[in-house]
N, C-alpha and C. Protein backbone atom coordinates (compact mmCIF):
# COMPACT_ATOMS: atom_id res chain seq x y z
N MET A 1 5.22 22.28 -23.16
CA MET A 1 4.39 21.59 -22.19
C MET A 1 3.18 21.01 -22.92
N LYS A 2 2.93 19.73 -22.67
CA LYS A 2 1.78 19.04 -23.27
C LYS A 2 0.52 19.33 -22.45
N GLU A 3 -0.60 19.35 -23.15
CA GLU A 3 -1.90 19.58 -22.52
C GLU A 3 -2.63 18.25 -22.41
N THR A 4 -3.07 17.93 -21.20
CA THR A 4 -3.76 16.66 -20.96
C THR A 4 -5.11 16.94 -20.31
N LEU A 5 -6.13 16.27 -20.81
CA LEU A 5 -7.48 16.36 -20.26
C LEU A 5 -7.82 15.03 -19.60
N ILE A 6 -8.26 15.09 -18.36
CA ILE A 6 -8.79 13.91 -17.67
C ILE A 6 -10.29 14.13 -17.51
N VAL A 7 -11.08 13.24 -18.09
CA VAL A 7 -12.53 13.29 -17.93
C VAL A 7 -12.97 12.04 -17.18
N TYR A 8 -13.97 12.19 -16.34
CA TYR A 8 -14.38 11.04 -15.54
C TYR A 8 -15.84 11.14 -15.15
N GLY A 9 -16.36 9.98 -14.80
CA GLY A 9 -17.67 9.88 -14.16
C GLY A 9 -17.48 9.07 -12.89
N THR A 10 -18.19 9.42 -11.85
CA THR A 10 -18.04 8.75 -10.57
C THR A 10 -19.39 8.64 -9.88
N ARG A 11 -19.48 7.73 -8.96
CA ARG A 11 -20.71 7.61 -8.17
C ARG A 11 -20.43 7.82 -6.70
N TYR A 12 -19.28 7.35 -6.23
CA TYR A 12 -18.97 7.45 -4.80
C TYR A 12 -17.67 8.22 -4.54
N GLY A 13 -17.07 8.81 -5.58
CA GLY A 13 -15.90 9.66 -5.40
C GLY A 13 -14.55 8.99 -5.55
N ALA A 14 -14.49 7.68 -5.66
CA ALA A 14 -13.21 6.99 -5.78
C ALA A 14 -12.47 7.40 -7.06
N THR A 15 -13.19 7.53 -8.14
CA THR A 15 -12.58 7.88 -9.42
C THR A 15 -12.05 9.31 -9.39
N THR A 16 -12.79 10.21 -8.76
CA THR A 16 -12.35 11.60 -8.62
C THR A 16 -10.99 11.66 -7.92
N GLU A 17 -10.86 10.93 -6.83
CA GLU A 17 -9.62 10.95 -6.06
C GLU A 17 -8.46 10.33 -6.83
N ALA A 18 -8.73 9.26 -7.59
CA ALA A 18 -7.67 8.66 -8.41
C ALA A 18 -7.22 9.65 -9.48
N CYS A 19 -8.16 10.37 -10.08
CA CYS A 19 -7.82 11.37 -11.10
C CYS A 19 -6.91 12.46 -10.51
N ALA A 20 -7.19 12.87 -9.29
CA ALA A 20 -6.38 13.91 -8.65
C ALA A 20 -4.95 13.45 -8.43
N VAL A 21 -4.78 12.20 -8.04
CA VAL A 21 -3.42 11.65 -7.85
C VAL A 21 -2.69 11.59 -9.19
N ILE A 22 -3.38 11.14 -10.21
CA ILE A 22 -2.79 11.04 -11.56
C ILE A 22 -2.41 12.43 -12.05
N GLN A 23 -3.30 13.40 -11.86
CA GLN A 23 -3.01 14.77 -12.27
C GLN A 23 -1.72 15.28 -11.61
N LYS A 24 -1.61 15.08 -10.34
CA LYS A 24 -0.45 15.57 -9.59
C LYS A 24 0.85 14.98 -10.14
N ILE A 25 0.86 13.69 -10.40
CA ILE A 25 2.05 13.03 -10.93
C ILE A 25 2.37 13.52 -12.34
N LEU A 26 1.36 13.63 -13.20
CA LEU A 26 1.61 14.08 -14.57
C LEU A 26 2.16 15.51 -14.60
N GLU A 27 1.62 16.36 -13.75
CA GLU A 27 2.08 17.75 -13.74
C GLU A 27 3.47 17.88 -13.14
N LYS A 28 3.67 17.24 -12.02
CA LYS A 28 4.92 17.40 -11.27
C LYS A 28 6.10 16.71 -11.94
N GLU A 29 5.87 15.53 -12.51
CA GLU A 29 6.99 14.73 -12.99
C GLU A 29 7.09 14.56 -14.50
N TYR A 30 6.04 14.95 -15.24
CA TYR A 30 6.06 14.70 -16.69
C TYR A 30 5.72 15.93 -17.52
N ASP A 31 5.84 17.11 -16.93
CA ASP A 31 5.69 18.37 -17.64
C ASP A 31 4.39 18.46 -18.43
N GLN A 32 3.30 18.03 -17.79
CA GLN A 32 1.98 18.09 -18.40
C GLN A 32 1.16 19.18 -17.70
N HIS A 33 0.40 19.92 -18.48
CA HIS A 33 -0.63 20.77 -17.89
C HIS A 33 -1.91 19.94 -17.95
N VAL A 34 -2.51 19.67 -16.80
CA VAL A 34 -3.63 18.74 -16.74
C VAL A 34 -4.89 19.45 -16.26
N GLU A 35 -5.95 19.26 -17.01
CA GLU A 35 -7.27 19.76 -16.62
C GLU A 35 -8.15 18.56 -16.36
N ILE A 36 -8.85 18.57 -15.23
CA ILE A 36 -9.76 17.47 -14.87
C ILE A 36 -11.20 17.96 -15.04
N TRP A 37 -12.04 17.11 -15.63
CA TRP A 37 -13.42 17.49 -15.87
C TRP A 37 -14.36 16.36 -15.48
N ASP A 38 -15.31 16.67 -14.59
CA ASP A 38 -16.35 15.73 -14.19
C ASP A 38 -17.41 15.71 -15.29
N LEU A 39 -17.64 14.59 -15.89
CA LEU A 39 -18.58 14.47 -17.00
C LEU A 39 -20.04 14.59 -16.58
N GLU A 40 -20.28 14.79 -15.30
CA GLU A 40 -21.64 15.11 -14.86
C GLU A 40 -22.11 16.37 -15.59
N ASN A 41 -21.16 17.26 -15.86
CA ASN A 41 -21.43 18.48 -16.61
C ASN A 41 -20.92 18.29 -18.05
N TRP A 42 -21.46 17.31 -18.71
CA TRP A 42 -21.04 16.83 -20.03
C TRP A 42 -20.98 17.93 -21.08
N HIS A 43 -21.99 18.76 -21.17
CA HIS A 43 -22.09 19.72 -22.26
C HIS A 43 -21.11 20.87 -22.16
N ALA A 44 -20.56 21.14 -21.00
CA ALA A 44 -19.60 22.23 -20.83
C ALA A 44 -18.16 21.73 -20.87
N CYS A 45 -17.98 20.48 -21.23
CA CYS A 45 -16.64 19.88 -21.26
C CYS A 45 -15.73 20.64 -22.23
N PRO A 46 -14.46 20.81 -21.87
CA PRO A 46 -13.53 21.52 -22.75
C PRO A 46 -13.42 20.88 -24.14
N ASP A 47 -13.03 21.67 -25.10
CA ASP A 47 -12.87 21.23 -26.48
C ASP A 47 -11.65 20.30 -26.59
N LEU A 48 -11.87 19.12 -27.15
CA LEU A 48 -10.78 18.15 -27.33
C LEU A 48 -9.61 18.72 -28.14
N ASN A 49 -9.89 19.63 -29.04
CA ASN A 49 -8.83 20.19 -29.89
C ASN A 49 -7.77 20.94 -29.10
N ASP A 50 -8.07 21.29 -27.86
CA ASP A 50 -7.12 22.03 -27.02
C ASP A 50 -6.14 21.11 -26.29
N PHE A 51 -6.23 19.79 -26.51
CA PHE A 51 -5.44 18.85 -25.73
C PHE A 51 -4.66 17.88 -26.62
N ASP A 52 -3.48 17.50 -26.12
CA ASP A 52 -2.65 16.51 -26.80
C ASP A 52 -3.00 15.10 -26.36
N ASN A 53 -3.41 14.96 -25.10
CA ASN A 53 -3.64 13.66 -24.47
C ASN A 53 -4.96 13.69 -23.72
N VAL A 54 -5.56 12.51 -23.58
CA VAL A 54 -6.83 12.40 -22.86
C VAL A 54 -6.81 11.13 -22.01
N ILE A 55 -7.29 11.26 -20.79
CA ILE A 55 -7.55 10.11 -19.93
C ILE A 55 -9.04 10.08 -19.68
N ILE A 56 -9.65 8.92 -19.93
CA ILE A 56 -11.08 8.73 -19.70
C ILE A 56 -11.23 7.74 -18.56
N ALA A 57 -12.04 8.10 -17.56
CA ALA A 57 -12.19 7.23 -16.39
C ALA A 57 -13.66 7.12 -16.01
N SER A 58 -13.99 5.98 -15.43
CA SER A 58 -15.36 5.78 -14.96
C SER A 58 -15.38 4.90 -13.73
N GLY A 59 -16.25 5.26 -12.82
CA GLY A 59 -16.59 4.36 -11.74
C GLY A 59 -17.53 3.30 -12.30
N ILE A 60 -17.49 2.13 -11.71
CA ILE A 60 -18.35 1.02 -12.15
C ILE A 60 -19.31 0.68 -11.02
N LYS A 61 -20.57 0.60 -11.37
CA LYS A 61 -21.59 0.17 -10.41
C LYS A 61 -22.46 -0.86 -11.10
N TYR A 62 -22.59 -2.02 -10.49
CA TYR A 62 -23.35 -3.13 -11.08
C TYR A 62 -22.88 -3.43 -12.50
N GLY A 63 -21.57 -3.34 -12.71
CA GLY A 63 -20.98 -3.68 -14.00
C GLY A 63 -21.12 -2.61 -15.07
N GLU A 64 -21.62 -1.45 -14.72
CA GLU A 64 -21.90 -0.41 -15.71
C GLU A 64 -21.04 0.84 -15.49
N TRP A 65 -20.57 1.40 -16.59
CA TRP A 65 -19.90 2.70 -16.58
C TRP A 65 -20.92 3.78 -16.25
N THR A 66 -20.44 4.94 -15.83
CA THR A 66 -21.36 6.08 -15.73
C THR A 66 -21.78 6.42 -17.16
N GLU A 67 -22.98 6.87 -17.32
CA GLU A 67 -23.54 7.10 -18.65
C GLU A 67 -22.69 8.06 -19.48
N ASN A 68 -22.29 9.19 -18.92
CA ASN A 68 -21.55 10.18 -19.70
C ASN A 68 -20.12 9.74 -20.01
N SER A 69 -19.51 8.97 -19.14
CA SER A 69 -18.17 8.44 -19.45
C SER A 69 -18.24 7.48 -20.63
N ARG A 70 -19.25 6.67 -20.62
CA ARG A 70 -19.40 5.71 -21.73
C ARG A 70 -19.66 6.45 -23.04
N LYS A 71 -20.48 7.48 -23.00
CA LYS A 71 -20.72 8.29 -24.20
C LYS A 71 -19.43 8.94 -24.69
N TYR A 72 -18.59 9.36 -23.77
CA TYR A 72 -17.37 10.07 -24.14
C TYR A 72 -16.43 9.20 -24.96
N LEU A 73 -16.50 7.90 -24.79
CA LEU A 73 -15.66 6.98 -25.55
C LEU A 73 -15.92 7.08 -27.05
N SER A 74 -17.07 7.61 -27.44
CA SER A 74 -17.44 7.69 -28.86
C SER A 74 -16.84 8.89 -29.58
N ASN A 75 -16.17 9.77 -28.86
CA ASN A 75 -15.55 10.94 -29.50
C ASN A 75 -14.51 10.51 -30.53
N ASP A 76 -14.21 11.41 -31.45
CA ASP A 76 -13.11 11.20 -32.39
C ASP A 76 -11.86 11.81 -31.76
N PHE A 77 -10.96 10.96 -31.34
CA PHE A 77 -9.75 11.42 -30.67
C PHE A 77 -8.60 11.67 -31.64
N GLY A 78 -8.82 11.37 -32.91
CA GLY A 78 -7.79 11.62 -33.92
C GLY A 78 -6.47 10.98 -33.52
N SER A 79 -5.42 11.76 -33.53
CA SER A 79 -4.08 11.25 -33.22
C SER A 79 -3.70 11.46 -31.74
N LYS A 80 -4.65 11.86 -30.92
CA LYS A 80 -4.35 12.07 -29.51
C LYS A 80 -4.02 10.75 -28.82
N LYS A 81 -3.15 10.83 -27.84
CA LYS A 81 -2.89 9.66 -27.01
C LYS A 81 -3.99 9.60 -25.96
N VAL A 82 -4.60 8.44 -25.86
CA VAL A 82 -5.72 8.24 -24.95
C VAL A 82 -5.38 7.09 -24.00
N ALA A 83 -5.69 7.30 -22.73
CA ALA A 83 -5.56 6.25 -21.72
C ALA A 83 -6.92 6.14 -21.03
N VAL A 84 -7.23 4.94 -20.54
CA VAL A 84 -8.54 4.69 -19.94
C VAL A 84 -8.37 3.88 -18.67
N PHE A 85 -9.13 4.26 -17.64
CA PHE A 85 -9.16 3.41 -16.44
C PHE A 85 -10.55 3.39 -15.84
N ILE A 86 -10.79 2.34 -15.06
CA ILE A 86 -12.03 2.20 -14.31
C ILE A 86 -11.71 2.02 -12.83
N SER A 87 -12.68 2.38 -12.01
CA SER A 87 -12.63 2.12 -10.57
C SER A 87 -13.78 1.18 -10.25
N SER A 88 -13.45 0.02 -9.69
CA SER A 88 -14.48 -0.98 -9.40
C SER A 88 -14.09 -1.77 -8.17
N ILE A 89 -15.02 -1.94 -7.28
CA ILE A 89 -14.78 -2.78 -6.10
C ILE A 89 -14.25 -4.15 -6.53
N TYR A 90 -14.80 -4.71 -7.60
CA TYR A 90 -14.39 -6.03 -8.04
C TYR A 90 -12.95 -6.04 -8.55
N ALA A 91 -12.51 -4.97 -9.18
CA ALA A 91 -11.13 -4.91 -9.66
C ALA A 91 -10.14 -4.85 -8.50
N GLY A 92 -10.60 -4.46 -7.34
CA GLY A 92 -9.74 -4.40 -6.17
C GLY A 92 -9.63 -5.71 -5.42
N GLU A 93 -10.35 -6.72 -5.87
CA GLU A 93 -10.32 -8.05 -5.24
C GLU A 93 -9.55 -9.00 -6.15
N ASP A 94 -8.50 -9.61 -5.64
CA ASP A 94 -7.64 -10.46 -6.47
C ASP A 94 -8.43 -11.51 -7.26
N GLU A 95 -9.37 -12.18 -6.61
CA GLU A 95 -10.09 -13.26 -7.29
C GLU A 95 -11.11 -12.77 -8.31
N HIS A 96 -11.43 -11.47 -8.31
CA HIS A 96 -12.39 -10.92 -9.26
C HIS A 96 -11.75 -9.97 -10.27
N TYR A 97 -10.46 -9.71 -10.09
CA TYR A 97 -9.79 -8.70 -10.92
C TYR A 97 -9.91 -9.00 -12.42
N GLU A 98 -9.54 -10.19 -12.84
CA GLU A 98 -9.55 -10.53 -14.27
C GLU A 98 -10.94 -10.36 -14.88
N HIS A 99 -11.95 -10.81 -14.14
CA HIS A 99 -13.32 -10.66 -14.63
C HIS A 99 -13.67 -9.17 -14.79
N ALA A 100 -13.36 -8.37 -13.79
CA ALA A 100 -13.65 -6.93 -13.84
C ALA A 100 -12.90 -6.27 -14.99
N TYR A 101 -11.63 -6.61 -15.14
CA TYR A 101 -10.81 -6.02 -16.20
C TYR A 101 -11.39 -6.36 -17.57
N GLU A 102 -11.72 -7.60 -17.79
CA GLU A 102 -12.25 -8.04 -19.09
C GLU A 102 -13.65 -7.49 -19.36
N LYS A 103 -14.56 -7.68 -18.41
CA LYS A 103 -15.97 -7.33 -18.64
C LYS A 103 -16.23 -5.83 -18.57
N PHE A 104 -15.60 -5.15 -17.63
CA PHE A 104 -15.91 -3.74 -17.42
C PHE A 104 -15.00 -2.80 -18.21
N LEU A 105 -13.87 -3.31 -18.69
CA LEU A 105 -12.94 -2.44 -19.41
C LEU A 105 -12.72 -2.93 -20.84
N VAL A 106 -12.13 -4.10 -21.01
CA VAL A 106 -11.79 -4.60 -22.34
C VAL A 106 -13.03 -4.74 -23.22
N ASP A 107 -14.08 -5.37 -22.70
CA ASP A 107 -15.30 -5.57 -23.49
C ASP A 107 -15.94 -4.24 -23.89
N VAL A 108 -15.93 -3.28 -22.99
CA VAL A 108 -16.51 -1.96 -23.30
C VAL A 108 -15.67 -1.26 -24.36
N LEU A 109 -14.36 -1.33 -24.25
CA LEU A 109 -13.50 -0.68 -25.24
C LEU A 109 -13.62 -1.32 -26.62
N GLU A 110 -13.91 -2.62 -26.66
CA GLU A 110 -14.09 -3.30 -27.96
C GLU A 110 -15.31 -2.76 -28.71
N GLU A 111 -16.23 -2.15 -28.01
CA GLU A 111 -17.40 -1.54 -28.66
C GLU A 111 -17.02 -0.25 -29.38
N HIS A 112 -15.79 0.20 -29.19
CA HIS A 112 -15.29 1.45 -29.79
C HIS A 112 -13.99 1.15 -30.54
N PRO A 113 -14.09 0.47 -31.69
CA PRO A 113 -12.89 0.01 -32.39
C PRO A 113 -11.96 1.13 -32.87
N ASN A 114 -12.47 2.35 -32.99
CA ASN A 114 -11.61 3.46 -33.40
C ASN A 114 -10.78 4.01 -32.25
N LEU A 115 -11.13 3.63 -31.03
CA LEU A 115 -10.40 4.07 -29.85
C LEU A 115 -9.28 3.07 -29.55
N LYS A 116 -8.05 3.53 -29.61
CA LYS A 116 -6.89 2.67 -29.38
C LYS A 116 -6.08 3.23 -28.20
N PRO A 117 -6.48 2.90 -26.97
CA PRO A 117 -5.78 3.45 -25.82
C PRO A 117 -4.31 3.01 -25.76
N VAL A 118 -3.45 3.94 -25.36
CA VAL A 118 -2.04 3.60 -25.18
C VAL A 118 -1.84 2.91 -23.83
N ALA A 119 -2.80 3.07 -22.93
CA ALA A 119 -2.75 2.42 -21.62
C ALA A 119 -4.16 2.27 -21.09
N LYS A 120 -4.39 1.19 -20.36
CA LYS A 120 -5.68 0.99 -19.71
C LYS A 120 -5.44 0.27 -18.39
N ALA A 121 -6.34 0.52 -17.45
CA ALA A 121 -6.17 -0.07 -16.12
C ALA A 121 -7.50 -0.21 -15.43
N ALA A 122 -7.55 -1.15 -14.51
CA ALA A 122 -8.70 -1.33 -13.63
C ALA A 122 -8.19 -1.26 -12.20
N PHE A 123 -8.75 -0.34 -11.43
CA PHE A 123 -8.36 -0.15 -10.04
C PHE A 123 -9.52 -0.51 -9.13
N GLY A 124 -9.20 -0.73 -7.88
CA GLY A 124 -10.24 -0.95 -6.88
C GLY A 124 -11.08 0.29 -6.74
N GLY A 125 -12.08 0.21 -5.90
CA GLY A 125 -12.99 1.34 -5.73
C GLY A 125 -13.36 1.56 -4.29
N ARG A 126 -14.38 2.37 -4.14
CA ARG A 126 -14.90 2.69 -2.81
C ARG A 126 -16.41 2.71 -2.92
N ILE A 127 -17.05 2.19 -1.88
CA ILE A 127 -18.51 2.13 -1.90
C ILE A 127 -19.02 2.22 -0.46
N PRO A 128 -20.13 2.93 -0.24
CA PRO A 128 -20.71 2.95 1.11
C PRO A 128 -21.11 1.53 1.51
N LYS A 129 -20.90 1.19 2.76
CA LYS A 129 -21.18 -0.17 3.22
C LYS A 129 -22.62 -0.60 2.95
N GLU A 130 -23.57 0.31 3.05
CA GLU A 130 -24.96 -0.09 2.82
C GLU A 130 -25.23 -0.43 1.36
N GLN A 131 -24.33 -0.05 0.46
CA GLN A 131 -24.48 -0.36 -0.96
C GLN A 131 -23.74 -1.64 -1.37
N LEU A 132 -23.00 -2.23 -0.42
CA LEU A 132 -22.18 -3.39 -0.74
C LEU A 132 -23.00 -4.61 -1.12
N PRO A 133 -22.51 -5.36 -2.13
CA PRO A 133 -23.12 -6.67 -2.39
C PRO A 133 -22.74 -7.59 -1.23
N ASN A 134 -23.25 -8.80 -1.23
CA ASN A 134 -22.95 -9.73 -0.14
C ASN A 134 -21.50 -10.19 -0.19
N ILE A 135 -20.68 -9.56 0.63
CA ILE A 135 -19.27 -9.94 0.77
C ILE A 135 -19.09 -10.35 2.22
N ALA A 136 -18.43 -11.46 2.43
CA ALA A 136 -18.21 -11.94 3.79
C ALA A 136 -17.51 -10.85 4.61
N PRO A 137 -18.03 -10.52 5.80
CA PRO A 137 -17.48 -9.43 6.61
C PRO A 137 -15.98 -9.56 6.89
N GLU A 138 -15.50 -10.79 7.04
CA GLU A 138 -14.06 -10.96 7.33
C GLU A 138 -13.19 -10.63 6.13
N ARG A 139 -13.77 -10.51 4.94
CA ARG A 139 -13.01 -10.21 3.72
C ARG A 139 -12.92 -8.72 3.45
N ILE A 140 -13.69 -7.94 4.16
CA ILE A 140 -13.74 -6.51 3.88
C ILE A 140 -12.54 -5.81 4.48
N LEU A 141 -11.83 -5.07 3.63
CA LEU A 141 -10.73 -4.24 4.10
C LEU A 141 -11.33 -2.91 4.53
N ILE A 142 -11.28 -2.62 5.78
CA ILE A 142 -11.91 -1.39 6.26
C ILE A 142 -10.84 -0.31 6.39
N ARG A 143 -11.11 0.80 5.74
CA ARG A 143 -10.25 1.97 5.84
C ARG A 143 -11.13 3.13 6.26
N LEU A 144 -10.53 4.17 6.74
CA LEU A 144 -11.31 5.33 7.17
C LEU A 144 -12.02 5.96 6.00
N PRO A 145 -13.18 6.51 6.16
CA PRO A 145 -14.01 6.39 7.36
C PRO A 145 -14.69 5.03 7.42
N GLU A 146 -15.18 4.69 8.59
CA GLU A 146 -15.71 3.35 8.81
C GLU A 146 -17.00 3.04 8.05
N HIS A 147 -17.66 4.04 7.52
CA HIS A 147 -18.95 3.81 6.84
C HIS A 147 -18.78 3.35 5.39
N GLN A 148 -17.55 3.08 4.97
CA GLN A 148 -17.36 2.69 3.57
C GLN A 148 -16.34 1.55 3.44
N TYR A 149 -16.37 0.93 2.30
CA TYR A 149 -15.43 -0.12 1.92
C TYR A 149 -14.56 0.47 0.82
N ASP A 150 -13.25 0.39 0.98
CA ASP A 150 -12.33 1.00 0.04
C ASP A 150 -11.19 0.02 -0.20
N ASN A 151 -11.07 -0.49 -1.43
CA ASN A 151 -10.01 -1.45 -1.73
C ASN A 151 -9.08 -0.94 -2.84
N ARG A 152 -8.92 0.37 -2.94
CA ARG A 152 -7.99 0.91 -3.93
C ARG A 152 -6.57 0.66 -3.49
N ASN A 153 -5.71 0.38 -4.45
CA ASN A 153 -4.29 0.21 -4.19
C ASN A 153 -3.60 1.45 -4.76
N TRP A 154 -3.25 2.37 -3.88
CA TRP A 154 -2.68 3.65 -4.32
C TRP A 154 -1.34 3.47 -5.01
N ASP A 155 -0.58 2.47 -4.62
CA ASP A 155 0.70 2.22 -5.31
C ASP A 155 0.47 1.88 -6.78
N LEU A 156 -0.56 1.06 -7.07
CA LEU A 156 -0.87 0.71 -8.46
C LEU A 156 -1.35 1.93 -9.25
N ILE A 157 -2.14 2.77 -8.63
CA ILE A 157 -2.63 3.97 -9.30
C ILE A 157 -1.45 4.89 -9.64
N GLU A 158 -0.54 5.08 -8.70
CA GLU A 158 0.63 5.92 -8.94
C GLU A 158 1.54 5.31 -10.00
N GLU A 159 1.72 4.01 -9.94
CA GLU A 159 2.54 3.30 -10.94
C GLU A 159 1.97 3.51 -12.35
N TRP A 160 0.66 3.39 -12.48
CA TRP A 160 0.01 3.59 -13.77
C TRP A 160 0.17 5.04 -14.23
N ALA A 161 0.05 5.98 -13.31
CA ALA A 161 0.22 7.40 -13.66
C ALA A 161 1.61 7.63 -14.23
N HIS A 162 2.62 6.99 -13.67
CA HIS A 162 3.99 7.12 -14.19
C HIS A 162 4.09 6.48 -15.58
N GLN A 163 3.47 5.34 -15.77
CA GLN A 163 3.48 4.69 -17.08
C GLN A 163 2.84 5.61 -18.12
N VAL A 164 1.70 6.17 -17.79
CA VAL A 164 0.99 7.08 -18.70
C VAL A 164 1.80 8.35 -18.93
N GLY A 165 2.41 8.86 -17.87
CA GLY A 165 3.23 10.06 -18.01
C GLY A 165 4.36 9.87 -19.02
N LYS A 166 5.02 8.73 -18.97
CA LYS A 166 6.09 8.44 -19.93
C LYS A 166 5.54 8.35 -21.35
N LEU A 167 4.40 7.69 -21.50
CA LEU A 167 3.79 7.57 -22.84
C LEU A 167 3.33 8.92 -23.38
N PHE A 168 2.76 9.74 -22.51
CA PHE A 168 2.27 11.05 -22.94
C PHE A 168 3.41 12.01 -23.26
N LYS A 169 4.53 11.83 -22.62
CA LYS A 169 5.67 12.74 -22.83
C LYS A 169 6.36 12.48 -24.17
N GLU A 170 6.25 11.25 -24.67
CA GLU A 170 6.88 10.89 -25.95
C GLU A 170 6.21 11.64 -27.09
N ASP A 171 7.01 11.94 -28.11
CA ASP A 171 6.44 12.59 -29.32
C ASP A 171 6.01 11.62 -30.36
């Protein structure tokens, strides 16, 4: 059984929930033992040497990663398989997806040339309505609860988890 660590930073909980779905798929279908760690508690994070694979995730707010998730990208991952994803309201909007993917994911990863992810993804996010930028009300996809905007595509998250599971299972 392979050991996988998922580390993440979040602001509104969307990234936490995506990590839980990914964990479930990796454990159930790809024979991975998965530990999830919120980087809010950065200094107590498990030792990388105990893991074969790592997933690094961050929520995006105003185009920025959470501070500790961004710091985590600087680790020496050696020969470990690493996958990276972000959760961003903009990545959940078709007309803004490419911009979010390039600016919030690809550009940030280019700052870490030693990090060579085997997979990367940008997913939609969730944000309290009072924190929303100016988006036309008719464009907002409202999901429960009513006090928030949530444009995550769970099918895409699950699909990516399967892609990563196959990559992580390979020797």
